[in-house]
């Protein structure tokens, strides 16, 4: 049984796009962004629901050569990490490890510590981003995708609800939009906000248009920012990216997910200094459109491959907020 919680207003500073601070009572059954208008109040899979058997079969038709492109970064020590996140991989045992049997069998395994779902090439799942709301009784609640509250999702070993294991395998059409190429620069300037005019101009340059974007597509943005991957101080400091204008366009296109060659998809800091990662809230929290960060597109761009079969299956860590993985494009 899902608990029903009345809501009166969003707190200032975390108001989602299209929302006001009106004191209209809402409930878990109907709130500012819930229930999902198509998948209902119990949905936890979000945009991955768009990837139907029919969508997969259509996407497979994009494969003509079998050429595979690696879109993810290698997980390694020294890679850029957001905030205080960490990543360490060690091989236990050393030179004193025993050998087994007459055949003197040896073996190695690894120990990985850190925020594994939120480092390197990382997938943001439904429990990753929320917003704080003021309820009818005057209390505050932290609310996530489809209206689930922190009280409903918190658990002793990961999230009880909205864990990344809820996301369906992503096998769909990928669409790459080369914003840096449209601007005729190798790398967009720091803090550059991508506009709808940029997006439409880039599509036209690629011989495409927005009418060709289909429900369930995975939409990717190339800013050229992955060129700074080996310089974490620059890579993590500020970043170009989309703002709420383009985020709303993505919602209208019914994308299954988005991704970029930057650490956070959206322009950082936001052009409105009062907003902190509002695109994440608009896409993930309000609409269930998932986000894959820290990609690279050099090979795709070199071959002017803008449409492809995209494959990414989040690791089913029960209760996790995100996932590592190995995203690939196939042409």
C-alpha atoms as a PDB file:
ATOM      1  CA  UNK A   1       0.000   0.000   0.000  1.00  0.00           C
ATOM      2  CA  UNK A   2       1.458   3.359  -1.045  1.00  0.00           C
ATOM      3  CA  UNK A   3       1.014   6.083   1.540  1.00  0.00           C
ATOM      4  CA  UNK A   4      -0.892   9.219   0.416  1.00  0.00           C
ATOM      5  CA  UNK A   5       0.648  12.528   1.419  1.00  0.00           C
ATOM      6  CA  UNK A   6      -0.980  15.936   0.817  1.00  0.00           C
ATOM      7  CA  UNK A   7       1.106  18.669  -0.727  1.00  0.00           C
ATOM      8  CA  UNK A   8       0.545  22.406  -0.830  1.00  0.00           C
ATOM      9  CA  UNK A   9       3.642  24.026  -2.290  1.00  0.00           C
ATOM     10  CA  UNK A  10       7.174  23.654  -3.563  1.00  0.00           C
ATOM     11  CA  UNK A  11       9.819  25.309  -1.455  1.00  0.00           C
ATOM     12  CA  UNK A  12      11.553  28.275  -3.032  1.00  0.00           C
ATOM     13  CA  UNK A  13      14.824  27.371  -4.701  1.00  0.00           C
ATOM     14  CA  UNK A  14      13.700  23.897  -5.792  1.00  0.00           C
ATOM     15  CA  UNK A  15      10.539  24.725  -7.757  1.00  0.00           C
ATOM     16  CA  UNK A  16      10.422  22.594 -10.878  1.00  0.00           C
ATOM     17  CA  UNK A  17       9.716  24.127 -14.272  1.00  0.00           C
ATOM     18  CA  UNK A  18       6.062  24.919 -14.888  1.00  0.00           C
ATOM     19  CA  UNK A  19       5.254  24.758 -11.128  1.00  0.00           C
ATOM     20  CA  UNK A  20       4.136  27.549  -8.815  1.00  0.00           C
ATOM     21  CA  UNK A  21       4.023  27.972  -5.062  1.00  0.00           C
ATOM     22  CA  UNK A  22       0.217  27.870  -4.991  1.00  0.00           C
ATOM     23  CA  UNK A  23      -1.416  26.398  -1.908  1.00  0.00           C
ATOM     24  CA  UNK A  24      -3.549  23.879  -3.764  1.00  0.00           C
ATOM     25  CA  UNK A  25      -3.823  20.587  -1.910  1.00  0.00           C
ATOM     26  CA  UNK A  26      -2.353  17.628  -3.728  1.00  0.00           C
ATOM     27  CA  UNK A  27      -1.944  13.955  -2.858  1.00  0.00           C
ATOM     28  CA  UNK A  28       0.348  11.060  -3.703  1.00  0.00           C
ATOM     29  CA  UNK A  29      -2.265  10.064  -6.310  1.00  0.00           C
ATOM     30  CA  UNK A  30      -2.047  13.472  -7.996  1.00  0.00           C
ATOM     31  CA  UNK A  31       0.762  15.953  -7.516  1.00  0.00           C
ATOM     32  CA  UNK A  32       2.766  18.506  -9.483  1.00  0.00           C
ATOM     33  CA  UNK A  33       4.395  15.777 -11.581  1.00  0.00           C
ATOM     34  CA  UNK A  34       2.705  12.566 -10.504  1.00  0.00           C
ATOM     35  CA  UNK A  35       1.221  10.132 -11.270  1.00  0.00           C
ATOM     36  CA  UNK A  36       2.914   9.587 -14.597  1.00  0.00           C
ATOM     37  CA  UNK A  37       0.247  10.373 -17.231  1.00  0.00           C
ATOM     38  CA  UNK A  38       0.941   7.177 -19.193  1.00  0.00           C
ATOM     39  CA  UNK A  39       2.363   4.606 -16.772  1.00  0.00           C
ATOM     40  CA  UNK A  40       0.472   5.489 -13.604  1.00  0.00           C
ATOM     41  CA  UNK A  41       1.315   6.033  -9.949  1.00  0.00           C
ATOM     42  CA  UNK A  42       3.127   2.744  -9.385  1.00  0.00           C
ATOM     43  CA  UNK A  43       5.623   3.125 -12.232  1.00  0.00           C
ATOM     44  CA  UNK A  44       9.322   2.984 -11.399  1.00  0.00           C
ATOM     45  CA  UNK A  45      10.853   2.381 -14.857  1.00  0.00           C
ATOM     46  CA  UNK A  46      10.146   5.777 -16.441  1.00  0.00           C
ATOM     47  CA  UNK A  47      11.408   6.381 -19.963  1.00  0.00           C
ATOM     48  CA  UNK A  48      12.659   2.821 -20.351  1.00  0.00           C
ATOM     49  CA  UNK A  49       8.980   1.874 -20.751  1.00  0.00           C
ATOM     50  CA  UNK A  50       9.107   3.432 -24.222  1.00  0.00           C
ATOM     51  CA  UNK A  51      11.492   0.694 -25.338  1.00  0.00           C
ATOM     52  CA  UNK A  52       8.992  -1.878 -26.533  1.00  0.00           C
ATOM     53  CA  UNK A  53       9.710  -4.985 -28.634  1.00  0.00           C
ATOM     54  CA  UNK A  54       8.565  -2.961 -31.654  1.00  0.00           C
ATOM     55  CA  UNK A  55      11.004  -0.158 -30.771  1.00  0.00           C
ATOM     56  CA  UNK A  56      13.864  -2.645 -30.444  1.00  0.00           C
ATOM     57  CA  UNK A  57      13.095  -4.301 -33.780  1.00  0.00           C
ATOM     58  CA  UNK A  58      13.005  -0.920 -35.517  1.00  0.00           C
ATOM     59  CA  UNK A  59      16.298   0.086 -33.885  1.00  0.00           C
ATOM     60  CA  UNK A  60      17.992  -3.091 -35.079  1.00  0.00           C
ATOM     61  CA  UNK A  61      17.337  -1.968 -38.659  1.00  0.00           C
ATOM     62  CA  UNK A  62      19.900   0.795 -38.138  1.00  0.00           C
ATOM     63  CA  UNK A  63      22.722  -1.776 -38.107  1.00  0.00           C
ATOM     64  CA  UNK A  64      24.214  -2.072 -41.583  1.00  0.00           C
ATOM     65  CA  UNK A  65      27.966  -2.602 -41.025  1.00  0.00           C
ATOM     66  CA  UNK A  66      28.243  -4.106 -37.534  1.00  0.00           C
ATOM     67  CA  UNK A  67      30.741  -1.396 -36.548  1.00  0.00           C
ATOM     68  CA  UNK A  68      30.864  -1.004 -32.746  1.00  0.00           C
ATOM     69  CA  UNK A  69      31.711   2.271 -30.993  1.00  0.00           C
ATOM     70  CA  UNK A  70      32.696   2.457 -27.338  1.00  0.00           C
ATOM     71  CA  UNK A  71      30.970   5.458 -25.744  1.00  0.00           C
ATOM     72  CA  UNK A  72      32.047   4.962 -22.125  1.00  0.00           C
ATOM     73  CA  UNK A  73      35.205   6.013 -20.344  1.00  0.00           C
ATOM     74  CA  UNK A  74      37.542   3.490 -18.702  1.00  0.00           C
ATOM     75  CA  UNK A  75      37.088   3.203 -14.917  1.00  0.00           C
ATOM     76  CA  UNK A  76      40.471   3.949 -13.387  1.00  0.00           C
ATOM     77  CA  UNK A  77      42.294   5.758 -10.621  1.00  0.00           C
ATOM     78  CA  UNK A  78      42.637   9.461 -11.322  1.00  0.00           C
ATOM     79  CA  UNK A  79      39.477   9.828 -13.405  1.00  0.00           C
ATOM     80  CA  UNK A  80      37.382  12.954 -12.693  1.00  0.00           C
ATOM     81  CA  UNK A  81      35.085  12.514  -9.684  1.00  0.00           C
ATOM     82  CA  UNK A  82      32.282  14.805  -8.586  1.00  0.00           C
ATOM     83  CA  UNK A  83      32.538  16.316  -5.110  1.00  0.00           C
ATOM     84  CA  UNK A  84      33.821  13.888  -2.489  1.00  0.00           C
ATOM     85  CA  UNK A  85      33.041  10.702  -4.439  1.00  0.00           C
ATOM     86  CA  UNK A  86      35.786   8.111  -4.537  1.00  0.00           C
ATOM     87  CA  UNK A  87      36.933   5.089  -6.523  1.00  0.00           C
ATOM     88  CA  UNK A  88      39.613   2.562  -5.580  1.00  0.00           C
ATOM     89  CA  UNK A  89      40.401  -0.830  -7.099  1.00  0.00           C
ATOM     90  CA  UNK A  90      42.904  -3.184  -5.509  1.00  0.00           C
ATOM     91  CA  UNK A  91      43.959  -6.815  -6.113  1.00  0.00           C
ATOM     92  CA  UNK A  92      44.113  -8.607  -2.723  1.00  0.00           C
ATOM     93  CA  UNK A  93      46.718 -11.217  -2.006  1.00  0.00           C
ATOM     94  CA  UNK A  94      50.013  -9.963  -3.350  1.00  0.00           C
ATOM     95  CA  UNK A  95      53.025 -12.241  -3.725  1.00  0.00           C
ATOM     96  CA  UNK A  96      52.059 -14.408  -0.713  1.00  0.00           C
ATOM     97  CA  UNK A  97      48.867 -15.816  -2.238  1.00  0.00           C
ATOM     98  CA  UNK A  98      48.778 -19.639  -2.281  1.00  0.00           C
ATOM     99  CA  UNK A  99      48.720 -21.939  -5.303  1.00  0.00           C
ATOM    100  CA  UNK A 100      46.229 -24.836  -5.357  1.00  0.00           C
ATOM    101  CA  UNK A 101      46.383 -28.420  -6.583  1.00  0.00           C
ATOM    102  CA  UNK A 102      49.094 -30.314  -8.377  1.00  0.00           C
ATOM    103  CA  UNK A 103      48.642 -27.929 -11.273  1.00  0.00           C
ATOM    104  CA  UNK A 104      49.486 -24.965  -8.975  1.00  0.00           C
ATOM    105  CA  UNK A 105      46.359 -22.966  -9.838  1.00  0.00           C
ATOM    106  CA  UNK A 106      46.543 -19.225  -9.211  1.00  0.00           C
ATOM    107  CA  UNK A 107      43.750 -16.682  -9.327  1.00  0.00           C
ATOM    108  CA  UNK A 108      43.080 -12.983  -8.821  1.00  0.00           C
ATOM    109  CA  UNK A 109      40.010 -10.976  -7.994  1.00  0.00           C
ATOM    110  CA  UNK A 110      39.491  -7.340  -7.180  1.00  0.00           C
ATOM    111  CA  UNK A 111      38.074  -5.212  -4.405  1.00  0.00           C
ATOM    112  CA  UNK A 112      36.350  -2.005  -5.519  1.00  0.00           C
ATOM    113  CA  UNK A 113      35.347   0.702  -3.059  1.00  0.00           C
ATOM    114  CA  UNK A 114      33.560   3.956  -3.756  1.00  0.00           C
ATOM    115  CA  UNK A 115      30.258   5.282  -5.075  1.00  0.00           C
ATOM    116  CA  UNK A 116      30.220   2.744  -7.892  1.00  0.00           C
ATOM    117  CA  UNK A 117      26.926   3.881  -9.406  1.00  0.00           C
ATOM    118  CA  UNK A 118      27.970   7.528  -9.485  1.00  0.00           C
ATOM    119  CA  UNK A 119      31.560   7.565 -10.752  1.00  0.00           C
ATOM    120  CA  UNK A 120      33.029   7.419 -14.242  1.00  0.00           C
ATOM    121  CA  UNK A 121      30.517   6.756 -16.997  1.00  0.00           C
ATOM    122  CA  UNK A 122      27.479   6.854 -14.740  1.00  0.00           C
ATOM    123  CA  UNK A 123      23.765   6.286 -15.183  1.00  0.00           C
ATOM    124  CA  UNK A 124      21.388   8.330 -13.021  1.00  0.00           C
ATOM    125  CA  UNK A 125      18.451   6.193 -11.919  1.00  0.00           C
ATOM    126  CA  UNK A 126      15.034   7.112 -10.478  1.00  0.00           C
ATOM    127  CA  UNK A 127      16.187   7.388  -6.867  1.00  0.00           C
ATOM    128  CA  UNK A 128      19.097   9.721  -7.567  1.00  0.00           C
ATOM    129  CA  UNK A 129      17.502  13.168  -7.767  1.00  0.00           C
ATOM    130  CA  UNK A 130      14.529  14.593  -5.870  1.00  0.00           C
ATOM    131  CA  UNK A 131      13.158  17.864  -4.576  1.00  0.00           C
ATOM    132  CA  UNK A 132      11.995  19.128  -1.181  1.00  0.00           C
ATOM    133  CA  UNK A 133       8.315  20.068  -0.920  1.00  0.00           C
ATOM    134  CA  UNK A 134       6.121  21.638   1.759  1.00  0.00           C
ATOM    135  CA  UNK A 135       3.090  19.526   2.608  1.00  0.00           C
ATOM    136  CA  UNK A 136      -0.431  20.516   3.657  1.00  0.00           C
ATOM    137  CA  UNK A 137       0.358  19.935   7.323  1.00  0.00           C
ATOM    138  CA  UNK A 138       3.335  22.309   7.126  1.00  0.00           C
ATOM    139  CA  UNK A 139       5.981  19.600   7.174  1.00  0.00           C
ATOM    140  CA  UNK A 140       8.604  19.132   4.493  1.00  0.00           C
ATOM    141  CA  UNK A 141       9.025  15.983   2.416  1.00  0.00           C
ATOM    142  CA  UNK A 142      11.739  14.907   0.012  1.00  0.00           C
ATOM    143  CA  UNK A 143       9.992  13.671  -3.130  1.00  0.00           C
ATOM    144  CA  UNK A 144      11.373  11.686  -6.066  1.00  0.00           C
ATOM    145  CA  UNK A 145      10.184  10.262  -9.383  1.00  0.00           C
ATOM    146  CA  UNK A 146       6.434   9.655  -9.604  1.00  0.00           C
ATOM    147  CA  UNK A 147       5.794  11.198  -6.193  1.00  0.00           C
ATOM    148  CA  UNK A 148       7.612   8.617  -4.068  1.00  0.00           C
ATOM    149  CA  UNK A 149       8.826  10.223  -0.834  1.00  0.00           C
ATOM    150  CA  UNK A 150      12.029   9.606   1.039  1.00  0.00           C
ATOM    151  CA  UNK A 151      10.036   7.878   3.777  1.00  0.00           C
ATOM    152  CA  UNK A 152       8.721   5.442   1.176  1.00  0.00           C
ATOM    153  CA  UNK A 153      12.025   4.687  -0.538  1.00  0.00           C
ATOM    154  CA  UNK A 154      14.645   4.717   2.218  1.00  0.00           C
ATOM    155  CA  UNK A 155      15.994   1.352   3.325  1.00  0.00           C
ATOM    156  CA  UNK A 156      18.756  -0.168   5.410  1.00  0.00           C
ATOM    157  CA  UNK A 157      20.494  -1.666   2.371  1.00  0.00           C
ATOM    158  CA  UNK A 158      19.808   0.659  -0.537  1.00  0.00           C
ATOM    159  CA  UNK A 159      16.482   2.127  -1.612  1.00  0.00           C
ATOM    160  CA  UNK A 160      13.315   0.111  -0.967  1.00  0.00           C
ATOM    161  CA  UNK A 161      11.725   1.744  -4.009  1.00  0.00           C
ATOM    162  CA  UNK A 162      13.169   3.425  -7.119  1.00  0.00           C
ATOM    163  CA  UNK A 163      16.380   1.408  -7.178  1.00  0.00           C
ATOM    164  CA  UNK A 164      18.222   1.220 -10.486  1.00  0.00           C
ATOM    165  CA  UNK A 165      17.156  -2.433 -10.847  1.00  0.00           C
ATOM    166  CA  UNK A 166      13.751  -1.068 -11.879  1.00  0.00           C
ATOM    167  CA  UNK A 167      15.128   0.226 -15.188  1.00  0.00           C
ATOM    168  CA  UNK A 168      14.536  -1.977 -18.207  1.00  0.00           C
ATOM    169  CA  UNK A 169      17.413  -2.822 -20.592  1.00  0.00           C
ATOM    170  CA  UNK A 170      18.000   0.074 -22.958  1.00  0.00           C
ATOM    171  CA  UNK A 171      18.203  -1.165 -26.537  1.00  0.00           C
ATOM    172  CA  UNK A 172      17.009   1.628 -28.755  1.00  0.00           C
ATOM    173  CA  UNK A 173      17.798   4.180 -31.424  1.00  0.00           C
ATOM    174  CA  UNK A 174      20.507   6.619 -30.411  1.00  0.00           C
ATOM    175  CA  UNK A 175      20.573  10.147 -31.833  1.00  0.00           C
ATOM    176  CA  UNK A 176      23.746  12.216 -31.443  1.00  0.00           C
ATOM    177  CA  UNK A 177      23.451  16.013 -31.706  1.00  0.00           C
ATOM    178  CA  UNK A 178      26.816  17.660 -32.332  1.00  0.00           C
ATOM    179  CA  UNK A 179      26.487  21.073 -30.706  1.00  0.00           C
ATOM    180  CA  UNK A 180      30.232  21.844 -30.792  1.00  0.00           C
ATOM    181  CA  UNK A 181      30.364  20.995 -34.495  1.00  0.00           C
ATOM    182  CA  UNK A 182      27.441  23.307 -35.203  1.00  0.00           C
ATOM    183  CA  UNK A 183      29.265  26.105 -33.377  1.00  0.00           C
ATOM    184  CA  UNK A 184      32.371  25.247 -35.430  1.00  0.00           C
ATOM    185  CA  UNK A 185      34.525  24.809 -32.330  1.00  0.00           C
ATOM    186  CA  UNK A 186      36.244  21.675 -30.980  1.00  0.00           C
ATOM    187  CA  UNK A 187      34.999  22.384 -27.443  1.00  0.00           C
ATOM    188  CA  UNK A 188      32.131  24.584 -26.281  1.00  0.00           C
ATOM    189  CA  UNK A 189      33.159  27.372 -23.894  1.00  0.00           C
ATOM    190  CA  UNK A 190      32.685  26.752 -20.159  1.00  0.00           C
ATOM    191  CA  UNK A 191      29.206  27.669 -18.875  1.00  0.00           C
ATOM    192  CA  UNK A 192      27.771  27.886 -22.421  1.00  0.00           C
ATOM    193  CA  UNK A 193      24.025  27.138 -22.378  1.00  0.00           C
ATOM    194  CA  UNK A 194      22.822  25.197 -25.409  1.00  0.00           C
ATOM    195  CA  UNK A 195      19.696  26.764 -26.903  1.00  0.00           C
ATOM    196  CA  UNK A 196      16.886  25.354 -29.016  1.00  0.00           C
ATOM    197  CA  UNK A 197      18.350  27.290 -31.938  1.00  0.00           C
ATOM    198  CA  UNK A 198      21.661  25.461 -31.405  1.00  0.00           C
ATOM    199  CA  UNK A 199      19.887  22.122 -31.234  1.00  0.00           C
ATOM    200  CA  UNK A 200      17.835  22.696 -34.378  1.00  0.00           C
ATOM    201  CA  UNK A 201      20.824  24.115 -36.231  1.00  0.00           C
ATOM    202  CA  UNK A 202      22.947  21.104 -35.314  1.00  0.00           C
ATOM    203  CA  UNK A 203      20.250  18.692 -36.481  1.00  0.00           C
ATOM    204  CA  UNK A 204      19.923  20.561 -39.796  1.00  0.00           C
ATOM    205  CA  UNK A 205      23.704  20.458 -40.266  1.00  0.00           C
ATOM    206  CA  UNK A 206      23.486  16.671 -39.821  1.00  0.00           C
ATOM    207  CA  UNK A 207      20.697  16.350 -42.380  1.00  0.00           C
ATOM    208  CA  UNK A 208      18.096  15.715 -39.660  1.00  0.00           C
ATOM    209  CA  UNK A 209      15.223  17.568 -38.036  1.00  0.00           C
ATOM    210  CA  UNK A 210      13.364  17.426 -34.758  1.00  0.00           C
ATOM    211  CA  UNK A 211      10.323  15.828 -36.361  1.00  0.00           C
ATOM    212  CA  UNK A 212      12.472  12.731 -36.837  1.00  0.00           C
ATOM    213  CA  UNK A 213      13.012  12.261 -33.084  1.00  0.00           C
ATOM    214  CA  UNK A 214      10.817   9.352 -32.008  1.00  0.00           C
ATOM    215  CA  UNK A 215       9.414   8.218 -28.639  1.00  0.00           C
ATOM    216  CA  UNK A 216      11.919   6.015 -26.851  1.00  0.00           C
ATOM    217  CA  UNK A 217      14.984   7.430 -28.601  1.00  0.00           C
ATOM    218  CA  UNK A 218      18.117   8.030 -26.536  1.00  0.00           C
ATOM    219  CA  UNK A 219      19.278  11.591 -27.226  1.00  0.00           C
ATOM    220  CA  UNK A 220      22.959  12.483 -26.824  1.00  0.00           C
ATOM    221  CA  UNK A 221      24.713  15.857 -26.863  1.00  0.00           C
ATOM    222  CA  UNK A 222      28.317  16.387 -27.983  1.00  0.00           C
ATOM    223  CA  UNK A 223      29.935  19.421 -26.405  1.00  0.00           C
ATOM    224  CA  UNK A 224      33.548  18.383 -26.991  1.00  0.00           C
ATOM    225  CA  UNK A 225      34.034  18.442 -23.218  1.00  0.00           C
ATOM    226  CA  UNK A 226      35.493  14.928 -23.054  1.00  0.00           C
ATOM    227  CA  UNK A 227      38.728  16.466 -24.388  1.00  0.00           C
ATOM    228  CA  UNK A 228      39.299  17.587 -20.766  1.00  0.00           C
ATOM    229  CA  UNK A 229      38.849  14.076 -19.295  1.00  0.00           C
ATOM    230  CA  UNK A 230      42.545  13.782 -18.403  1.00  0.00           C
ATOM    231  CA  UNK A 231      42.447  17.131 -16.600  1.00  0.00           C
ATOM    232  CA  UNK A 232      39.940  16.622 -13.761  1.00  0.00           C
ATOM    233  CA  UNK A 233      40.377  20.140 -12.407  1.00  0.00           C
ATOM    234  CA  UNK A 234      39.142  21.619 -15.687  1.00  0.00           C
ATOM    235  CA  UNK A 235      36.642  18.855 -16.452  1.00  0.00           C
ATOM    236  CA  UNK A 236      34.821  19.218 -13.127  1.00  0.00           C
ATOM    237  CA  UNK A 237      35.086  22.981 -12.584  1.00  0.00           C
ATOM    238  CA  UNK A 238      32.373  24.296 -14.891  1.00  0.00           C
ATOM    239  CA  UNK A 239      30.732  22.855 -17.968  1.00  0.00           C
ATOM    240  CA  UNK A 240      28.655  23.756 -20.997  1.00  0.00           C
ATOM    241  CA  UNK A 241      25.316  22.076 -21.400  1.00  0.00           C
ATOM    242  CA  UNK A 242      21.603  22.301 -21.941  1.00  0.00           C
ATOM    243  CA  UNK A 243      19.206  24.339 -19.799  1.00  0.00           C
ATOM    244  CA  UNK A 244      15.523  24.014 -18.984  1.00  0.00           C
ATOM    245  CA  UNK A 245      14.469  25.178 -22.461  1.00  0.00           C
ATOM    246  CA  UNK A 246      16.093  22.171 -24.130  1.00  0.00           C
ATOM    247  CA  UNK A 247      15.101  19.876 -21.250  1.00  0.00           C
ATOM    248  CA  UNK A 248      11.440  20.638 -21.931  1.00  0.00           C
ATOM    249  CA  UNK A 249      12.026  19.907 -25.617  1.00  0.00           C
ATOM    250  CA  UNK A 250      13.426  16.502 -24.630  1.00  0.00           C
ATOM    251  CA  UNK A 251      10.323  15.808 -22.553  1.00  0.00           C
ATOM    252  CA  UNK A 252       8.097  16.691 -25.499  1.00  0.00           C
ATOM    253  CA  UNK A 253      10.028  14.228 -27.680  1.00  0.00           C
ATOM    254  CA  UNK A 254       9.341  11.416 -25.137  1.00  0.00           C
ATOM    255  CA  UNK A 255      12.988  10.354 -24.920  1.00  0.00           C
ATOM    256  CA  UNK A 256      13.864   7.223 -22.979  1.00  0.00           C
ATOM    257  CA  UNK A 257      17.130   8.766 -21.778  1.00  0.00           C
ATOM    258  CA  UNK A 258      19.741  11.416 -22.492  1.00  0.00           C
ATOM    259  CA  UNK A 259      23.516  11.559 -22.312  1.00  0.00           C
ATOM    260  CA  UNK A 260      26.496  13.815 -22.925  1.00  0.00           C
ATOM    261  CA  UNK A 261      30.280  14.022 -23.019  1.00  0.00           C
ATOM    262  CA  UNK A 262      30.284  16.102 -19.836  1.00  0.00           C
ATOM    263  CA  UNK A 263      30.004  15.319 -16.121  1.00  0.00           C
ATOM    264  CA  UNK A 264      26.423  16.525 -15.769  1.00  0.00           C
ATOM    265  CA  UNK A 265      24.605  17.138 -19.103  1.00  0.00           C
ATOM    266  CA  UNK A 266      23.397  20.584 -18.057  1.00  0.00           C
ATOM    267  CA  UNK A 267      25.146  23.952 -18.021  1.00  0.00           C
ATOM    268  CA  UNK A 268      26.968  24.413 -14.707  1.00  0.00           C
ATOM    269  CA  UNK A 269      26.629  26.752 -12.975  1.00  0.00           C
ATOM    270  CA  UNK A 270      23.124  27.462 -14.181  1.00  0.00           C
ATOM    271  CA  UNK A 271      22.535  30.847 -15.777  1.00  0.00           C
ATOM    272  CA  UNK A 272      20.079  31.475 -12.929  1.00  0.00           C
ATOM    273  CA  UNK A 273      22.323  31.493  -9.835  1.00  0.00           C
ATOM    274  CA  UNK A 274      19.391  30.433  -7.655  1.00  0.00           C
ATOM    275  CA  UNK A 275      19.015  27.063  -9.401  1.00  0.00           C
ATOM    276  CA  UNK A 276      21.139  23.972  -8.724  1.00  0.00           C
ATOM    277  CA  UNK A 277      20.915  21.192 -11.353  1.00  0.00           C
ATOM    278  CA  UNK A 278      17.312  22.045 -12.365  1.00  0.00           C
ATOM    279  CA  UNK A 279      17.618  20.011 -15.581  1.00  0.00           C
ATOM    280  CA  UNK A 280      18.201  16.873 -13.512  1.00  0.00           C
ATOM    281  CA  UNK A 281      14.978  17.607 -11.635  1.00  0.00           C
ATOM    282  CA  UNK A 282      13.026  18.312 -14.811  1.00  0.00           C
ATOM    283  CA  UNK A 283      14.157  15.150 -16.584  1.00  0.00           C
ATOM    284  CA  UNK A 284      14.686  12.582 -13.829  1.00  0.00           C
ATOM    285  CA  UNK A 285      12.392  13.597 -10.986  1.00  0.00           C
ATOM    286  CA  UNK A 286       9.494  15.015 -12.915  1.00  0.00           C
ATOM    287  CA  UNK A 287       9.516  12.935 -16.107  1.00  0.00           C
ATOM    288  CA  UNK A 288      11.536   9.757 -15.561  1.00  0.00           C
ATOM    289  CA  UNK A 289      13.985  10.475 -18.384  1.00  0.00           C
ATOM    290  CA  UNK A 290      17.270   8.949 -17.291  1.00  0.00           C
ATOM    291  CA  UNK A 291      20.708  10.484 -17.714  1.00  0.00           C
ATOM    292  CA  UNK A 292      24.058   8.925 -18.693  1.00  0.00           C
ATOM    293  CA  UNK A 293      27.092  11.076 -17.967  1.00  0.00           C
ATOM    294  CA  UNK A 294      30.806  11.123 -18.850  1.00  0.00           C
ATOM    295  CA  UNK A 295      30.603   9.698 -22.377  1.00  0.00           C
ATOM    296  CA  UNK A 296      32.814  10.341 -25.389  1.00  0.00           C
ATOM    297  CA  UNK A 297      31.810  10.556 -29.033  1.00  0.00           C
ATOM    298  CA  UNK A 298      35.053  11.105 -30.957  1.00  0.00           C
ATOM    299  CA  UNK A 299      34.752   8.029 -33.191  1.00  0.00           C
ATOM    300  CA  UNK A 300      31.090   8.623 -33.975  1.00  0.00           C
ATOM    301  CA  UNK A 301      31.781  12.246 -34.876  1.00  0.00           C
ATOM    302  CA  UNK A 302      34.832  11.390 -36.995  1.00  0.00           C
ATOM    303  CA  UNK A 303      32.629   9.134 -39.126  1.00  0.00           C
ATOM    304  CA  UNK A 304      29.615  11.476 -39.023  1.00  0.00           C
ATOM    305  CA  UNK A 305      27.480   8.762 -37.470  1.00  0.00           C
ATOM    306  CA  UNK A 306      24.531  10.494 -35.867  1.00  0.00           C
ATOM    307  CA  UNK A 307      21.985   7.647 -35.723  1.00  0.00           C
ATOM    308  CA  UNK A 308      22.774   4.176 -34.426  1.00  0.00           C
ATOM    309  CA  UNK A 309      21.621   1.231 -32.378  1.00  0.00           C
ATOM    310  CA  UNK A 310      22.339   2.106 -28.751  1.00  0.00           C
ATOM    311  CA  UNK A 311      22.787  -0.565 -26.089  1.00  0.00           C
ATOM    312  CA  UNK A 312      23.153   0.022 -22.352  1.00  0.00           C
ATOM    313  CA  UNK A 313      21.914  -2.241 -19.578  1.00  0.00           C
ATOM    314  CA  UNK A 314      22.235  -0.739 -16.090  1.00  0.00           C
ATOM    315  CA  UNK A 315      23.723  -3.180 -13.598  1.00  0.00           C
ATOM    316  CA  UNK A 316      20.924  -4.442 -11.351  1.00  0.00           C
ATOM    317  CA  UNK A 317      22.316  -3.300  -8.009  1.00  0.00           C
ATOM    318  CA  UNK A 318      19.178  -3.575  -5.896  1.00  0.00           C
ATOM    319  CA  UNK A 319      18.393  -0.241  -4.288  1.00  0.00           C
ATOM    320  CA  UNK A 320      21.200   1.697  -6.003  1.00  0.00           C
ATOM    321  CA  UNK A 321      20.800   5.281  -7.208  1.00  0.00           C
ATOM    322  CA  UNK A 322      22.787   4.693 -10.387  1.00  0.00           C
ATOM    323  CA  UNK A 323      24.932   2.290 -12.326  1.00  0.00           C
ATOM    324  CA  UNK A 324      28.263   1.940 -14.090  1.00  0.00           C
ATOM    325  CA  UNK A 325      28.246   0.226 -17.456  1.00  0.00           C
ATOM    326  CA  UNK A 326      29.641  -0.102 -20.954  1.00  0.00           C
ATOM    327  CA  UNK A 327      27.435   1.869 -23.394  1.00  0.00           C
ATOM    328  CA  UNK A 328      27.954   1.059 -27.053  1.00  0.00           C
ATOM    329  CA  UNK A 329      26.711   2.315 -30.385  1.00  0.00           C
ATOM    330  CA  UNK A 330      26.403  -0.058 -33.355  1.00  0.00           C
ATOM    331  CA  UNK A 331      26.065   1.144 -36.930  1.00  0.00           C
END
